[in-house]
Amino acid sequence: MPQALIGLGGNVGDVRATLAKAVAAFCDGEAVRLLARSSDYETPPWGVTDQPPFVNLALRVQTELAPRDLLKRALGVEAGLGRDRATGRRWGPRPVDIDILAYDDIRLDEPDLHIPHPRMTERAFVLVPLAEIAPDWVLEGRTIAEWVGDIDAAGVRRLVD
């Protein structure tokens, strides 16, 4: 059964509670089985910097869903937790964001689905949580542990439970 890496984040409301609900809704134990969950990390905003810090985490899942169906599931969970992608500002504040970062070793480049996720190897808020749960996962010929070793992780702080 395929494995996927999933990134979650948010910065509106009780973010950690919202992310916990998102993980529970996304990983039903059947179509999507949770294999590993990173710690929560406080991270500086990226893209639009005049907003509160984010909380980010990563999941490693096993799934029977194809990539497009996994995306539909992610978007449904987001909507159920108050995210409106149609009216939200790109890179702006949001209660929850769920991204498919990688799906086995496939590559997709479609208008609304890119796997692996573009520029993920440049973003500490993605790599630091991933390195905790999938350090040996290979992206573009390098492991996540190697990628995270080259990134500036200033401002990324692991949160206590």
N, C-alpha and C. Protein backbone atom coordinates (compact mmCIF):
# COMPACT_ATOMS: atom_id res chain seq x y z
N MET A 1 0.85 -1.18 0.00
CA MET A 1 0.00 0.00 0.00
C MET A 1 0.89 1.24 0.00
N PRO A 2 0.57 2.24 -0.79
CA PRO A 2 1.40 3.44 -0.88
C PRO A 2 1.51 4.19 0.45
N GLN A 3 2.63 4.89 0.59
CA GLN A 3 2.83 5.79 1.72
C GLN A 3 2.90 7.22 1.19
N ALA A 4 2.49 8.15 2.05
CA ALA A 4 2.51 9.56 1.69
C ALA A 4 2.99 10.37 2.88
N LEU A 5 3.59 11.51 2.57
CA LEU A 5 3.96 12.50 3.58
C LEU A 5 2.99 13.66 3.45
N ILE A 6 2.46 14.10 4.59
CA ILE A 6 1.44 15.13 4.62
C ILE A 6 1.92 16.25 5.54
N GLY A 7 1.74 17.48 5.13
CA GLY A 7 2.06 18.64 5.96
C GLY A 7 0.79 19.33 6.40
N LEU A 8 0.74 19.71 7.66
CA LEU A 8 -0.40 20.45 8.20
C LEU A 8 0.09 21.70 8.89
N GLY A 9 -0.70 22.74 8.82
CA GLY A 9 -0.35 23.97 9.51
C GLY A 9 -1.56 24.87 9.66
N GLY A 10 -1.42 25.87 10.50
CA GLY A 10 -2.48 26.85 10.68
C GLY A 10 -2.01 27.93 11.64
N ASN A 11 -2.75 29.04 11.67
CA ASN A 11 -2.38 30.14 12.58
C ASN A 11 -3.58 30.97 13.01
N VAL A 12 -4.78 30.42 12.93
CA VAL A 12 -5.99 31.13 13.32
C VAL A 12 -6.75 30.29 14.35
N GLY A 13 -7.15 30.90 15.44
CA GLY A 13 -7.92 30.20 16.46
C GLY A 13 -7.05 29.34 17.35
N ASP A 14 -7.63 28.31 17.95
CA ASP A 14 -6.90 27.35 18.77
C ASP A 14 -6.24 26.36 17.83
N VAL A 15 -5.10 26.75 17.30
CA VAL A 15 -4.48 26.03 16.19
C VAL A 15 -4.15 24.58 16.55
N ARG A 16 -3.57 24.36 17.71
CA ARG A 16 -3.19 22.99 18.05
C ARG A 16 -4.41 22.08 18.18
N ALA A 17 -5.50 22.59 18.71
CA ALA A 17 -6.73 21.80 18.80
C ALA A 17 -7.28 21.54 17.39
N THR A 18 -7.25 22.54 16.54
CA THR A 18 -7.72 22.37 15.16
C THR A 18 -6.88 21.35 14.42
N LEU A 19 -5.55 21.41 14.59
CA LEU A 19 -4.68 20.45 13.92
C LEU A 19 -4.93 19.04 14.44
N ALA A 20 -5.17 18.88 15.73
CA ALA A 20 -5.47 17.55 16.27
C ALA A 20 -6.76 17.01 15.65
N LYS A 21 -7.77 17.87 15.49
CA LYS A 21 -9.01 17.45 14.83
C LYS A 21 -8.75 17.09 13.37
N ALA A 22 -7.90 17.86 12.71
CA ALA A 22 -7.59 17.59 11.30
C ALA A 22 -6.91 16.23 11.15
N VAL A 23 -5.96 15.92 12.03
CA VAL A 23 -5.27 14.62 11.96
C VAL A 23 -6.28 13.50 12.16
N ALA A 24 -7.15 13.64 13.15
CA ALA A 24 -8.15 12.61 13.44
C ALA A 24 -9.12 12.42 12.26
N ALA A 25 -9.53 13.50 11.64
CA ALA A 25 -10.46 13.40 10.51
C ALA A 25 -9.77 12.86 9.26
N PHE A 26 -8.54 13.25 9.05
CA PHE A 26 -7.81 12.82 7.86
C PHE A 26 -7.43 11.35 7.94
N CYS A 27 -6.97 10.91 9.10
CA CYS A 27 -6.50 9.53 9.29
C CYS A 27 -7.60 8.71 9.95
N ASP A 28 -8.39 8.03 9.13
CA ASP A 28 -9.52 7.26 9.65
C ASP A 28 -9.13 5.85 10.06
N GLY A 29 -7.88 5.45 9.82
CA GLY A 29 -7.44 4.11 10.17
C GLY A 29 -7.77 3.06 9.13
N GLU A 30 -8.50 3.45 8.11
CA GLU A 30 -8.87 2.51 7.04
C GLU A 30 -8.29 2.97 5.71
N ALA A 31 -8.91 3.98 5.09
CA ALA A 31 -8.40 4.48 3.82
C ALA A 31 -7.08 5.22 4.00
N VAL A 32 -6.91 5.84 5.16
CA VAL A 32 -5.66 6.55 5.49
C VAL A 32 -5.26 6.12 6.90
N ARG A 33 -4.14 5.42 6.99
CA ARG A 33 -3.65 4.93 8.29
C ARG A 33 -2.43 5.71 8.72
N LEU A 34 -2.48 6.27 9.92
CA LEU A 34 -1.37 7.04 10.46
C LEU A 34 -0.22 6.12 10.84
N LEU A 35 0.96 6.39 10.28
CA LEU A 35 2.17 5.64 10.63
C LEU A 35 3.04 6.41 11.60
N ALA A 36 3.10 7.74 11.43
CA ALA A 36 3.92 8.58 12.32
C ALA A 36 3.40 10.01 12.26
N ARG A 37 3.51 10.69 13.41
CA ARG A 37 3.11 12.09 13.53
C ARG A 37 4.26 12.83 14.19
N SER A 38 4.66 13.94 13.60
CA SER A 38 5.73 14.74 14.19
C SER A 38 5.20 15.51 15.39
N SER A 39 6.12 16.12 16.10
CA SER A 39 5.75 17.10 17.11
C SER A 39 5.15 18.31 16.41
N ASP A 40 4.53 19.18 17.20
CA ASP A 40 4.07 20.46 16.68
C ASP A 40 5.24 21.44 16.74
N TYR A 41 5.34 22.30 15.74
CA TYR A 41 6.41 23.29 15.67
C TYR A 41 5.81 24.67 15.44
N GLU A 42 6.25 25.63 16.22
CA GLU A 42 5.90 27.02 15.93
C GLU A 42 6.88 27.50 14.88
N THR A 43 6.34 28.13 13.84
CA THR A 43 7.17 28.57 12.72
C THR A 43 6.79 29.98 12.30
N PRO A 44 7.77 30.75 11.85
CA PRO A 44 7.44 32.09 11.37
C PRO A 44 6.60 32.02 10.09
N PRO A 45 5.74 33.01 9.87
CA PRO A 45 4.96 33.02 8.63
C PRO A 45 5.87 33.13 7.42
N TRP A 46 5.42 32.54 6.33
CA TRP A 46 6.20 32.51 5.10
C TRP A 46 5.35 33.13 4.00
N GLY A 47 5.95 33.92 3.15
CA GLY A 47 5.21 34.54 2.05
C GLY A 47 4.58 35.85 2.46
N VAL A 48 3.60 35.81 3.34
CA VAL A 48 2.96 37.00 3.90
C VAL A 48 3.39 37.04 5.36
N THR A 49 4.24 37.99 5.71
CA THR A 49 4.86 37.97 7.05
C THR A 49 4.10 38.78 8.10
N ASP A 50 3.11 39.57 7.70
CA ASP A 50 2.36 40.37 8.69
C ASP A 50 1.15 39.58 9.22
N GLN A 51 1.45 38.47 9.86
CA GLN A 51 0.43 37.61 10.44
C GLN A 51 1.05 36.81 11.58
N PRO A 52 0.22 36.18 12.41
CA PRO A 52 0.77 35.42 13.54
C PRO A 52 1.62 34.24 13.08
N PRO A 53 2.48 33.73 13.97
CA PRO A 53 3.24 32.53 13.64
C PRO A 53 2.29 31.36 13.38
N PHE A 54 2.80 30.37 12.70
CA PHE A 54 2.06 29.15 12.40
C PHE A 54 2.45 28.05 13.37
N VAL A 55 1.60 27.06 13.45
CA VAL A 55 1.96 25.77 14.04
C VAL A 55 1.93 24.78 12.89
N ASN A 56 3.02 24.05 12.71
CA ASN A 56 3.14 23.07 11.64
C ASN A 56 3.47 21.70 12.21
N LEU A 57 3.06 20.68 11.49
CA LEU A 57 3.41 19.30 11.82
C LEU A 57 3.40 18.49 10.54
N ALA A 58 3.92 17.26 10.63
CA ALA A 58 3.95 16.38 9.47
C ALA A 58 3.42 15.01 9.86
N LEU A 59 2.84 14.33 8.87
CA LEU A 59 2.35 12.97 9.04
C LEU A 59 2.99 12.07 7.99
N ARG A 60 3.21 10.83 8.39
CA ARG A 60 3.55 9.77 7.44
C ARG A 60 2.38 8.80 7.49
N VAL A 61 1.74 8.59 6.35
CA VAL A 61 0.54 7.76 6.30
C VAL A 61 0.70 6.66 5.27
N GLN A 62 -0.10 5.63 5.46
CA GLN A 62 -0.26 4.58 4.46
C GLN A 62 -1.68 4.73 3.96
N THR A 63 -1.88 4.66 2.64
CA THR A 63 -3.21 4.94 2.12
C THR A 63 -3.56 4.06 0.94
N GLU A 64 -4.85 3.75 0.86
CA GLU A 64 -5.36 3.06 -0.31
C GLU A 64 -5.90 4.06 -1.33
N LEU A 65 -5.91 5.34 -0.96
CA LEU A 65 -6.42 6.37 -1.85
C LEU A 65 -5.36 6.78 -2.88
N ALA A 66 -5.80 7.01 -4.10
CA ALA A 66 -4.94 7.57 -5.13
C ALA A 66 -4.66 9.03 -4.77
N PRO A 67 -3.61 9.62 -5.34
CA PRO A 67 -3.27 11.01 -4.99
C PRO A 67 -4.44 12.00 -5.11
N ARG A 68 -5.20 11.93 -6.17
CA ARG A 68 -6.31 12.87 -6.35
C ARG A 68 -7.37 12.66 -5.27
N ASP A 69 -7.65 11.42 -4.90
CA ASP A 69 -8.63 11.15 -3.84
C ASP A 69 -8.10 11.58 -2.48
N LEU A 70 -6.80 11.45 -2.28
CA LEU A 70 -6.19 11.93 -1.04
C LEU A 70 -6.30 13.45 -0.94
N LEU A 71 -6.13 14.13 -2.07
CA LEU A 71 -6.31 15.59 -2.11
C LEU A 71 -7.75 15.96 -1.77
N LYS A 72 -8.72 15.25 -2.35
CA LYS A 72 -10.13 15.52 -2.05
C LYS A 72 -10.40 15.37 -0.55
N ARG A 73 -9.80 14.34 0.04
CA ARG A 73 -9.97 14.13 1.48
C ARG A 73 -9.40 15.31 2.25
N ALA A 74 -8.19 15.75 1.89
CA ALA A 74 -7.54 16.88 2.57
C ALA A 74 -8.39 18.14 2.46
N LEU A 75 -8.88 18.43 1.28
CA LEU A 75 -9.70 19.63 1.07
C LEU A 75 -11.01 19.55 1.85
N GLY A 76 -11.58 18.36 1.94
CA GLY A 76 -12.81 18.18 2.71
C GLY A 76 -12.59 18.41 4.20
N VAL A 77 -11.47 17.91 4.72
CA VAL A 77 -11.14 18.13 6.13
C VAL A 77 -10.92 19.63 6.38
N GLU A 78 -10.17 20.28 5.49
CA GLU A 78 -9.96 21.72 5.64
C GLU A 78 -11.29 22.47 5.70
N ALA A 79 -12.16 22.19 4.75
CA ALA A 79 -13.46 22.89 4.69
C ALA A 79 -14.27 22.62 5.95
N GLY A 80 -14.24 21.39 6.43
CA GLY A 80 -14.97 21.04 7.64
C GLY A 80 -14.47 21.75 8.88
N LEU A 81 -13.23 22.22 8.84
CA LEU A 81 -12.63 22.93 9.97
C LEU A 81 -12.56 24.44 9.73
N GLY A 82 -13.30 24.93 8.73
CA GLY A 82 -13.43 26.37 8.55
C GLY A 82 -12.54 27.02 7.52
N ARG A 83 -11.81 26.26 6.73
CA ARG A 83 -10.97 26.87 5.71
C ARG A 83 -11.76 27.08 4.43
N ASP A 84 -11.70 28.30 3.90
CA ASP A 84 -12.33 28.61 2.63
C ASP A 84 -11.23 29.03 1.66
N ARG A 85 -10.77 28.09 0.87
CA ARG A 85 -9.66 28.38 -0.05
C ARG A 85 -10.06 29.40 -1.12
N ALA A 86 -11.34 29.47 -1.45
CA ALA A 86 -11.79 30.37 -2.51
C ALA A 86 -11.65 31.84 -2.11
N THR A 87 -11.83 32.16 -0.83
CA THR A 87 -11.78 33.55 -0.41
C THR A 87 -10.53 33.89 0.39
N GLY A 88 -9.78 32.90 0.82
CA GLY A 88 -8.58 33.16 1.62
C GLY A 88 -7.45 33.75 0.81
N ARG A 89 -6.63 34.54 1.48
CA ARG A 89 -5.47 35.16 0.84
C ARG A 89 -4.36 34.12 0.71
N ARG A 90 -3.73 34.03 -0.46
CA ARG A 90 -2.63 33.09 -0.65
C ARG A 90 -1.54 33.38 0.37
N TRP A 91 -1.11 32.34 1.06
CA TRP A 91 -0.08 32.38 2.11
C TRP A 91 -0.53 33.20 3.32
N GLY A 92 -1.81 33.53 3.37
CA GLY A 92 -2.33 34.33 4.48
C GLY A 92 -2.80 33.47 5.64
N PRO A 93 -3.40 34.13 6.65
CA PRO A 93 -3.88 33.42 7.83
C PRO A 93 -4.92 32.36 7.45
N ARG A 94 -4.91 31.26 8.21
CA ARG A 94 -5.87 30.19 7.96
C ARG A 94 -5.97 29.29 9.18
N PRO A 95 -7.14 28.69 9.39
CA PRO A 95 -7.27 27.78 10.53
C PRO A 95 -6.51 26.47 10.32
N VAL A 96 -6.46 26.01 9.06
CA VAL A 96 -5.78 24.75 8.77
C VAL A 96 -5.42 24.70 7.29
N ASP A 97 -4.29 24.09 7.03
CA ASP A 97 -3.82 23.86 5.66
C ASP A 97 -3.28 22.44 5.65
N ILE A 98 -3.71 21.64 4.69
CA ILE A 98 -3.23 20.26 4.56
C ILE A 98 -2.67 20.08 3.16
N ASP A 99 -1.40 19.71 3.09
CA ASP A 99 -0.73 19.53 1.80
C ASP A 99 -0.18 18.11 1.67
N ILE A 100 -0.35 17.54 0.48
CA ILE A 100 0.34 16.29 0.15
C ILE A 100 1.74 16.69 -0.26
N LEU A 101 2.72 16.27 0.52
CA LEU A 101 4.12 16.64 0.25
C LEU A 101 4.79 15.64 -0.68
N ALA A 102 4.53 14.37 -0.46
CA ALA A 102 5.10 13.30 -1.29
C ALA A 102 4.16 12.11 -1.23
N TYR A 103 4.19 11.31 -2.28
CA TYR A 103 3.35 10.11 -2.37
C TYR A 103 4.20 9.05 -3.04
N ASP A 104 4.65 8.08 -2.22
CA ASP A 104 5.64 7.11 -2.69
C ASP A 104 6.72 7.87 -3.47
N ASP A 105 7.09 7.36 -4.63
CA ASP A 105 8.12 8.07 -5.41
C ASP A 105 7.54 8.63 -6.71
N ILE A 106 6.23 8.86 -6.72
CA ILE A 106 5.62 9.37 -7.96
C ILE A 106 5.83 10.87 -8.10
N ARG A 107 5.73 11.31 -9.33
CA ARG A 107 5.79 12.73 -9.65
C ARG A 107 4.52 13.07 -10.44
N LEU A 108 3.83 14.11 -9.99
CA LEU A 108 2.65 14.61 -10.69
C LEU A 108 2.81 16.11 -10.87
N ASP A 109 2.43 16.59 -12.02
CA ASP A 109 2.46 18.03 -12.27
C ASP A 109 1.17 18.40 -12.99
N GLU A 110 0.13 18.58 -12.19
CA GLU A 110 -1.19 18.94 -12.70
C GLU A 110 -1.53 20.33 -12.19
N PRO A 111 -2.51 21.00 -12.78
CA PRO A 111 -2.82 22.38 -12.38
C PRO A 111 -3.06 22.56 -10.88
N ASP A 112 -3.69 21.60 -10.22
CA ASP A 112 -4.01 21.76 -8.80
C ASP A 112 -3.37 20.69 -7.91
N LEU A 113 -2.43 19.92 -8.46
CA LEU A 113 -1.78 18.88 -7.67
C LEU A 113 -0.37 18.64 -8.19
N HIS A 114 0.59 18.98 -7.34
CA HIS A 114 2.00 18.81 -7.68
C HIS A 114 2.64 17.93 -6.61
N ILE A 115 3.18 16.80 -7.02
CA ILE A 115 3.84 15.87 -6.11
C ILE A 115 5.18 15.50 -6.72
N PRO A 116 6.28 15.63 -5.95
CA PRO A 116 6.36 16.22 -4.62
C PRO A 116 5.97 17.69 -4.64
N HIS A 117 5.59 18.16 -3.44
CA HIS A 117 5.13 19.54 -3.31
C HIS A 117 6.25 20.50 -3.72
N PRO A 118 5.95 21.48 -4.58
CA PRO A 118 6.99 22.41 -5.04
C PRO A 118 7.67 23.17 -3.89
N ARG A 119 8.92 23.32 -3.99
CA ARG A 119 9.75 24.11 -3.07
C ARG A 119 9.77 23.60 -1.63
N MET A 120 9.27 22.39 -1.39
CA MET A 120 9.27 21.88 -0.02
C MET A 120 10.68 21.73 0.52
N THR A 121 11.64 21.49 -0.35
CA THR A 121 13.02 21.32 0.11
C THR A 121 13.68 22.65 0.48
N GLU A 122 12.97 23.75 0.28
CA GLU A 122 13.48 25.09 0.63
C GLU A 122 12.83 25.64 1.91
N ARG A 123 11.90 24.90 2.51
CA ARG A 123 11.09 25.45 3.58
C ARG A 123 11.30 24.69 4.89
N ALA A 124 11.85 25.39 5.87
CA ALA A 124 12.12 24.78 7.17
C ALA A 124 10.83 24.32 7.85
N PHE A 125 9.73 25.06 7.66
CA PHE A 125 8.48 24.67 8.32
C PHE A 125 7.94 23.34 7.80
N VAL A 126 8.42 22.90 6.65
CA VAL A 126 8.08 21.58 6.11
C VAL A 126 9.14 20.56 6.51
N LEU A 127 10.40 20.89 6.29
CA LEU A 127 11.48 19.92 6.47
C LEU A 127 11.73 19.53 7.92
N VAL A 128 11.67 20.47 8.84
CA VAL A 128 11.99 20.14 10.24
C VAL A 128 11.01 19.10 10.79
N PRO A 129 9.69 19.28 10.66
CA PRO A 129 8.79 18.22 11.13
C PRO A 129 8.98 16.90 10.37
N LEU A 130 9.22 16.98 9.06
CA LEU A 130 9.44 15.76 8.28
C LEU A 130 10.67 15.00 8.73
N ALA A 131 11.73 15.72 9.06
CA ALA A 131 12.98 15.06 9.48
C ALA A 131 12.77 14.26 10.76
N GLU A 132 11.81 14.65 11.55
CA GLU A 132 11.52 13.92 12.79
C GLU A 132 10.89 12.56 12.50
N ILE A 133 10.08 12.44 11.46
CA ILE A 133 9.33 11.20 11.22
C ILE A 133 9.75 10.43 9.97
N ALA A 134 10.49 11.06 9.07
CA ALA A 134 10.86 10.40 7.81
C ALA A 134 12.25 10.86 7.34
N PRO A 135 13.27 10.78 8.21
CA PRO A 135 14.58 11.31 7.83
C PRO A 135 15.21 10.63 6.62
N ASP A 136 14.85 9.37 6.37
CA ASP A 136 15.46 8.62 5.28
C ASP A 136 14.65 8.65 3.98
N TRP A 137 13.51 9.34 3.98
CA TRP A 137 12.70 9.46 2.76
C TRP A 137 13.51 10.25 1.74
N VAL A 138 13.59 9.75 0.52
CA VAL A 138 14.41 10.38 -0.52
C VAL A 138 13.55 11.27 -1.41
N LEU A 139 14.01 12.52 -1.55
CA LEU A 139 13.39 13.50 -2.44
C LEU A 139 14.48 14.06 -3.34
N GLU A 140 14.27 13.97 -4.63
CA GLU A 140 15.21 14.53 -5.58
C GLU A 140 16.65 14.07 -5.30
N GLY A 141 16.80 12.79 -4.99
CA GLY A 141 18.13 12.20 -4.83
C GLY A 141 18.79 12.41 -3.47
N ARG A 142 18.11 13.06 -2.54
CA ARG A 142 18.67 13.31 -1.21
C ARG A 142 17.63 12.95 -0.15
N THR A 143 18.11 12.55 1.02
CA THR A 143 17.18 12.26 2.10
C THR A 143 16.68 13.56 2.73
N ILE A 144 15.57 13.45 3.41
CA ILE A 144 15.05 14.63 4.11
C ILE A 144 16.06 15.10 5.14
N ALA A 145 16.75 14.17 5.81
CA ALA A 145 17.78 14.56 6.78
C ALA A 145 18.87 15.39 6.12
N GLU A 146 19.24 15.05 4.90
CA GLU A 146 20.25 15.84 4.18
C GLU A 146 19.69 17.22 3.81
N TRP A 147 18.44 17.25 3.34
CA TRP A 147 17.83 18.54 2.98
C TRP A 147 17.74 19.45 4.20
N VAL A 148 17.28 18.91 5.34
CA VAL A 148 17.10 19.75 6.52
C VAL A 148 18.44 20.26 7.04
N GLY A 149 19.52 19.51 6.79
CA GLY A 149 20.84 19.96 7.21
C GLY A 149 21.32 21.20 6.47
N ASP A 150 20.72 21.48 5.32
CA ASP A 150 21.13 22.63 4.50
C ASP A 150 20.21 23.83 4.63
N ILE A 151 19.17 23.72 5.45
CA ILE A 151 18.15 24.78 5.51
C ILE A 151 18.37 25.67 6.73
N ASP A 152 18.02 26.93 6.61
CA ASP A 152 18.04 27.84 7.75
C ASP A 152 16.75 27.64 8.53
N ALA A 153 16.85 27.07 9.71
CA ALA A 153 15.67 26.77 10.52
C ALA A 153 15.47 27.79 11.64
N ALA A 154 16.01 28.98 11.46
CA ALA A 154 15.84 30.04 12.47
C ALA A 154 14.36 30.31 12.68
N GLY A 155 13.95 30.38 13.93
CA GLY A 155 12.56 30.67 14.26
C GLY A 155 11.66 29.45 14.34
N VAL A 156 12.16 28.29 13.95
CA VAL A 156 11.37 27.06 14.06
C VAL A 156 11.61 26.48 15.44
N ARG A 157 10.52 26.33 16.20
CA ARG A 157 10.66 25.91 17.61
C ARG A 157 9.69 24.77 17.90
N ARG A 158 10.24 23.66 18.40
CA ARG A 158 9.40 22.52 18.78
C ARG A 158 8.58 22.89 20.01
N LEU A 159 7.29 22.62 19.94
CA LEU A 159 6.39 22.91 21.05
C LEU A 159 6.24 21.68 21.95
N VAL A 160 6.11 21.90 23.23
CA VAL A 160 5.91 20.80 24.15
C VAL A 160 4.45 20.37 24.12
N ASP A 161 4.21 19.11 24.42
CA ASP A 161 2.84 18.58 24.41
C ASP A 161 2.02 19.12 25.55
